[in-house]
Amino acid sequence: MQDAIEALLTTEPITAREMADKSGAAIAVVRQIMTTLEHNGKAMGVGERPVRYCAPAKPAKVLVRADYQAQSSTRYFRPGSYTPPSDETFTLPGMDDTVEDQ
């Protein structure tokens, strides 16, 4: 059913009721499918009430957790050197290792 609803999406806005009439699905089912399609970046809601849906002009890429890649820490370990680059560091008052004599 989701494929049939997705096929109805064009650049022209269409309401959930119009999609339900064309696909033969219940309006509640169409709205649920539209929520899923909006979440996946395959549809977008436009206008006020009644909300009209259309296909985005350019498909939005939705990042999935598996797409995330942490920055490599190899920039700190250059060949022949195992010390981090000499970036300026700041120490807050009271946070250094020195001990004051009392």
N, C-alpha and C. Protein backbone atom coordinates (compact mmCIF):
# COMPACT_ATOMS: atom_id res chain seq x y z
N MET A 1 0.83 -1.19 0.00
CA MET A 1 0.00 0.00 0.00
C MET A 1 0.88 1.25 0.00
N GLN A 2 2.02 1.17 0.72
CA GLN A 2 2.90 2.34 0.78
C GLN A 2 3.41 2.70 -0.61
N ASP A 3 3.72 1.72 -1.43
CA ASP A 3 4.20 1.99 -2.78
C ASP A 3 3.13 2.68 -3.62
N ALA A 4 1.87 2.28 -3.44
CA ALA A 4 0.77 2.89 -4.19
C ALA A 4 0.58 4.35 -3.78
N ILE A 5 0.69 4.63 -2.47
CA ILE A 5 0.55 6.01 -1.98
C ILE A 5 1.73 6.84 -2.46
N GLU A 6 2.93 6.27 -2.39
CA GLU A 6 4.12 7.00 -2.83
C GLU A 6 4.06 7.32 -4.32
N ALA A 7 3.45 6.45 -5.10
CA ALA A 7 3.32 6.68 -6.54
C ALA A 7 2.39 7.86 -6.84
N LEU A 8 1.47 8.16 -5.91
CA LEU A 8 0.55 9.28 -6.11
C LEU A 8 1.20 10.64 -5.86
N LEU A 9 2.36 10.63 -5.20
CA LEU A 9 3.02 11.90 -4.89
C LEU A 9 3.71 12.49 -6.11
N THR A 10 3.42 13.73 -6.36
CA THR A 10 4.08 14.48 -7.43
C THR A 10 4.46 15.83 -6.84
N THR A 11 4.85 16.76 -7.68
CA THR A 11 5.17 18.09 -7.19
C THR A 11 3.92 18.90 -6.91
N GLU A 12 2.76 18.41 -7.39
CA GLU A 12 1.48 19.07 -7.10
C GLU A 12 0.95 18.57 -5.75
N PRO A 13 0.61 19.47 -4.83
CA PRO A 13 0.09 19.04 -3.52
C PRO A 13 -1.24 18.29 -3.64
N ILE A 14 -1.40 17.28 -2.78
CA ILE A 14 -2.60 16.46 -2.75
C ILE A 14 -2.94 16.14 -1.30
N THR A 15 -4.23 16.11 -0.96
CA THR A 15 -4.64 15.84 0.41
C THR A 15 -4.69 14.34 0.67
N ALA A 16 -4.75 13.99 1.96
CA ALA A 16 -4.85 12.58 2.35
C ALA A 16 -6.17 11.99 1.85
N ARG A 17 -7.24 12.78 1.88
CA ARG A 17 -8.54 12.29 1.41
C ARG A 17 -8.48 11.98 -0.10
N GLU A 18 -7.83 12.85 -0.87
CA GLU A 18 -7.72 12.61 -2.32
C GLU A 18 -6.88 11.35 -2.58
N MET A 19 -5.82 11.15 -1.80
CA MET A 19 -5.01 9.94 -1.96
C MET A 19 -5.81 8.70 -1.58
N ALA A 20 -6.62 8.81 -0.53
CA ALA A 20 -7.45 7.69 -0.10
C ALA A 20 -8.47 7.33 -1.17
N ASP A 21 -9.07 8.35 -1.78
CA ASP A 21 -10.04 8.09 -2.84
C ASP A 21 -9.40 7.40 -4.04
N LYS A 22 -8.18 7.83 -4.41
CA LYS A 22 -7.51 7.27 -5.58
C LYS A 22 -6.94 5.87 -5.32
N SER A 23 -6.52 5.63 -4.08
CA SER A 23 -5.87 4.34 -3.79
C SER A 23 -6.83 3.31 -3.20
N GLY A 24 -7.96 3.76 -2.66
CA GLY A 24 -8.90 2.84 -2.05
C GLY A 24 -8.56 2.50 -0.60
N ALA A 25 -7.57 3.18 -0.04
CA ALA A 25 -7.18 2.94 1.36
C ALA A 25 -7.95 3.87 2.28
N ALA A 26 -7.99 3.52 3.56
CA ALA A 26 -8.63 4.38 4.54
C ALA A 26 -7.77 5.62 4.77
N ILE A 27 -8.41 6.73 5.14
CA ILE A 27 -7.69 7.99 5.35
C ILE A 27 -6.66 7.84 6.46
N ALA A 28 -7.01 7.11 7.53
CA ALA A 28 -6.07 6.91 8.63
C ALA A 28 -4.81 6.18 8.17
N VAL A 29 -4.98 5.21 7.28
CA VAL A 29 -3.84 4.46 6.75
C VAL A 29 -2.98 5.38 5.89
N VAL A 30 -3.62 6.21 5.08
CA VAL A 30 -2.89 7.14 4.22
C VAL A 30 -2.08 8.11 5.08
N ARG A 31 -2.67 8.63 6.15
CA ARG A 31 -1.95 9.57 7.02
C ARG A 31 -0.77 8.90 7.71
N GLN A 32 -0.95 7.65 8.12
CA GLN A 32 0.15 6.92 8.75
C GLN A 32 1.29 6.70 7.75
N ILE A 33 0.95 6.34 6.54
CA ILE A 33 1.97 6.14 5.50
C ILE A 33 2.66 7.46 5.18
N MET A 34 1.90 8.55 5.15
CA MET A 34 2.50 9.86 4.86
C MET A 34 3.46 10.29 5.96
N THR A 35 3.13 9.96 7.20
CA THR A 35 4.05 10.26 8.30
C THR A 35 5.36 9.51 8.12
N THR A 36 5.28 8.26 7.73
CA THR A 36 6.48 7.46 7.47
C THR A 36 7.27 8.04 6.31
N LEU A 37 6.60 8.41 5.23
CA LEU A 37 7.28 8.97 4.07
C LEU A 37 7.93 10.31 4.40
N GLU A 38 7.25 11.13 5.20
CA GLU A 38 7.84 12.41 5.61
C GLU A 38 9.09 12.17 6.44
N HIS A 39 9.03 11.21 7.34
CA HIS A 39 10.18 10.89 8.19
C HIS A 39 11.37 10.42 7.36
N ASN A 40 11.10 9.69 6.28
CA ASN A 40 12.16 9.18 5.42
C ASN A 40 12.60 10.19 4.36
N GLY A 41 11.98 11.36 4.33
CA GLY A 41 12.39 12.39 3.37
C GLY A 41 11.82 12.20 1.98
N LYS A 42 10.81 11.34 1.82
CA LYS A 42 10.24 11.08 0.50
C LYS A 42 8.98 11.89 0.24
N ALA A 43 8.51 12.62 1.24
CA ALA A 43 7.32 13.45 1.10
C ALA A 43 7.44 14.63 2.04
N MET A 44 6.63 15.66 1.77
CA MET A 44 6.60 16.80 2.67
C MET A 44 5.21 17.38 2.71
N GLY A 45 4.82 17.84 3.89
CA GLY A 45 3.51 18.45 4.07
C GLY A 45 3.59 19.94 3.78
N VAL A 46 2.60 20.45 3.07
CA VAL A 46 2.58 21.88 2.75
C VAL A 46 1.21 22.45 3.08
N GLY A 47 1.18 23.71 3.39
CA GLY A 47 -0.09 24.39 3.63
C GLY A 47 -0.64 24.16 5.02
N GLU A 48 -1.77 24.75 5.24
CA GLU A 48 -2.46 24.64 6.53
C GLU A 48 -3.42 23.46 6.47
N ARG A 49 -4.61 23.64 6.97
CA ARG A 49 -5.59 22.56 6.96
C ARG A 49 -6.50 22.68 5.76
N PRO A 50 -6.81 21.66 5.04
CA PRO A 50 -6.25 20.33 5.18
C PRO A 50 -4.81 20.29 4.67
N VAL A 51 -3.99 19.52 5.35
CA VAL A 51 -2.58 19.40 4.96
C VAL A 51 -2.51 18.72 3.61
N ARG A 52 -1.70 19.28 2.77
CA ARG A 52 -1.47 18.69 1.44
C ARG A 52 -0.05 18.16 1.41
N TYR A 53 0.13 17.09 0.71
CA TYR A 53 1.43 16.44 0.64
C TYR A 53 1.94 16.47 -0.79
N CYS A 54 3.24 16.53 -0.94
CA CYS A 54 3.85 16.45 -2.27
C CYS A 54 5.24 15.84 -2.12
N ALA A 55 5.78 15.45 -3.25
CA ALA A 55 7.14 14.91 -3.25
C ALA A 55 8.11 16.07 -3.16
N PRO A 56 9.19 15.91 -2.42
CA PRO A 56 10.18 17.00 -2.35
C PRO A 56 10.84 17.20 -3.72
N ALA A 57 11.24 18.42 -3.99
CA ALA A 57 11.87 18.72 -5.27
C ALA A 57 13.14 17.89 -5.45
N LYS A 58 13.86 17.71 -4.37
CA LYS A 58 15.08 16.91 -4.41
C LYS A 58 15.03 15.97 -3.23
N PRO A 59 15.15 14.66 -3.42
CA PRO A 59 15.06 13.73 -2.30
C PRO A 59 16.08 14.08 -1.22
N ALA A 60 15.60 14.20 0.00
CA ALA A 60 16.47 14.53 1.12
C ALA A 60 17.14 13.26 1.61
N LYS A 61 18.40 13.36 1.90
CA LYS A 61 19.12 12.21 2.43
C LYS A 61 18.94 12.20 3.94
N VAL A 62 18.41 11.12 4.42
CA VAL A 62 18.22 10.96 5.85
C VAL A 62 19.36 10.12 6.38
N LEU A 63 20.08 10.65 7.34
CA LEU A 63 21.20 9.91 7.90
C LEU A 63 20.70 8.81 8.81
N VAL A 64 21.28 7.67 8.64
CA VAL A 64 20.97 6.52 9.47
C VAL A 64 22.14 6.37 10.44
N ARG A 65 21.91 5.78 11.58
CA ARG A 65 22.99 5.64 12.56
C ARG A 65 24.21 4.97 11.96
N ALA A 66 24.01 4.04 11.04
CA ALA A 66 25.14 3.33 10.44
C ALA A 66 25.96 4.24 9.54
N ASP A 67 25.40 5.37 9.09
CA ASP A 67 26.12 6.29 8.22
C ASP A 67 27.15 7.12 8.96
N TYR A 68 27.02 7.24 10.28
CA TYR A 68 27.92 8.08 11.06
C TYR A 68 29.28 7.44 11.16
N GLN A 69 30.31 8.23 10.91
CA GLN A 69 31.67 7.75 11.08
C GLN A 69 32.43 8.77 11.92
N ALA A 70 32.97 8.31 13.01
CA ALA A 70 33.72 9.19 13.89
C ALA A 70 35.00 9.64 13.20
N GLN A 71 35.47 10.80 13.62
CA GLN A 71 36.72 11.28 13.05
C GLN A 71 37.85 10.36 13.46
N SER A 72 38.75 10.15 12.56
CA SER A 72 39.87 9.28 12.83
C SER A 72 40.85 9.97 13.77
N SER A 73 41.40 9.22 14.70
CA SER A 73 42.38 9.79 15.61
C SER A 73 43.78 9.66 15.05
N THR A 74 43.92 9.19 13.82
CA THR A 74 45.25 9.02 13.24
C THR A 74 45.95 10.34 12.99
N ARG A 75 45.21 11.43 13.02
CA ARG A 75 45.87 12.72 12.80
C ARG A 75 46.82 13.03 13.94
N TYR A 76 46.63 12.41 15.09
CA TYR A 76 47.53 12.64 16.22
C TYR A 76 48.74 11.72 16.17
N PHE A 77 48.66 10.65 15.43
CA PHE A 77 49.75 9.70 15.37
C PHE A 77 50.36 9.70 13.98
N ARG A 78 51.17 10.68 13.74
CA ARG A 78 51.86 10.77 12.46
C ARG A 78 53.01 9.77 12.46
N PRO A 79 53.41 9.31 11.29
CA PRO A 79 54.51 8.35 11.24
C PRO A 79 55.74 8.91 11.94
N GLY A 80 56.28 8.16 12.88
CA GLY A 80 57.49 8.57 13.59
C GLY A 80 57.22 9.50 14.76
N SER A 81 55.98 9.89 14.99
CA SER A 81 55.68 10.81 16.08
C SER A 81 54.43 10.33 16.80
N TYR A 82 54.53 10.20 18.10
CA TYR A 82 53.38 9.76 18.88
C TYR A 82 52.95 10.84 19.87
N THR A 83 53.26 12.05 19.55
CA THR A 83 52.83 13.16 20.41
C THR A 83 51.77 13.96 19.68
N PRO A 84 50.80 14.48 20.41
CA PRO A 84 49.78 15.28 19.75
C PRO A 84 50.38 16.57 19.22
N PRO A 85 49.74 17.20 18.26
CA PRO A 85 50.24 18.46 17.73
C PRO A 85 50.33 19.50 18.84
N SER A 86 51.18 20.47 18.65
CA SER A 86 51.39 21.48 19.69
C SER A 86 50.33 22.56 19.60
N ASP A 87 49.12 22.21 19.99
CA ASP A 87 48.05 23.20 20.07
C ASP A 87 48.14 23.91 21.41
N GLU A 88 47.76 25.16 21.42
CA GLU A 88 47.78 25.92 22.66
C GLU A 88 46.72 25.37 23.60
N THR A 89 47.10 25.14 24.86
CA THR A 89 46.15 24.63 25.83
C THR A 89 45.90 25.69 26.90
N PHE A 90 44.76 25.62 27.53
CA PHE A 90 44.38 26.57 28.56
C PHE A 90 44.07 25.80 29.83
N THR A 91 44.53 26.32 30.94
CA THR A 91 44.25 25.73 32.23
C THR A 91 43.46 26.72 33.06
N LEU A 92 42.34 26.28 33.58
CA LEU A 92 41.52 27.15 34.40
C LEU A 92 42.16 27.31 35.77
N PRO A 93 41.95 28.44 36.43
CA PRO A 93 42.51 28.62 37.77
C PRO A 93 42.01 27.51 38.71
N GLY A 94 42.95 26.94 39.45
CA GLY A 94 42.60 25.89 40.39
C GLY A 94 42.59 24.51 39.76
N MET A 95 42.85 24.41 38.46
CA MET A 95 42.79 23.12 37.79
C MET A 95 44.17 22.59 37.43
N ASP A 96 45.25 23.27 37.83
CA ASP A 96 46.58 22.80 37.48
C ASP A 96 47.07 21.81 38.54
N ASP A 97 48.22 21.23 38.31
CA ASP A 97 48.76 20.19 39.19
C ASP A 97 49.64 20.74 40.30
N THR A 98 49.85 22.03 40.35
CA THR A 98 50.74 22.57 41.37
C THR A 98 50.06 22.57 42.73
N VAL A 99 50.88 22.37 43.74
CA VAL A 99 50.37 22.36 45.12
C VAL A 99 50.89 23.62 45.81
N GLU A 100 50.03 24.37 46.42
CA GLU A 100 50.44 25.57 47.13
C GLU A 100 50.86 25.22 48.54
N ASP A 101 51.97 25.84 48.99
CA ASP A 101 52.41 25.65 50.37
C ASP A 101 51.55 26.49 51.30
N GLN A 102 51.18 25.91 52.40
CA GLN A 102 50.34 26.66 53.35
C GLN A 102 51.11 27.06 54.56
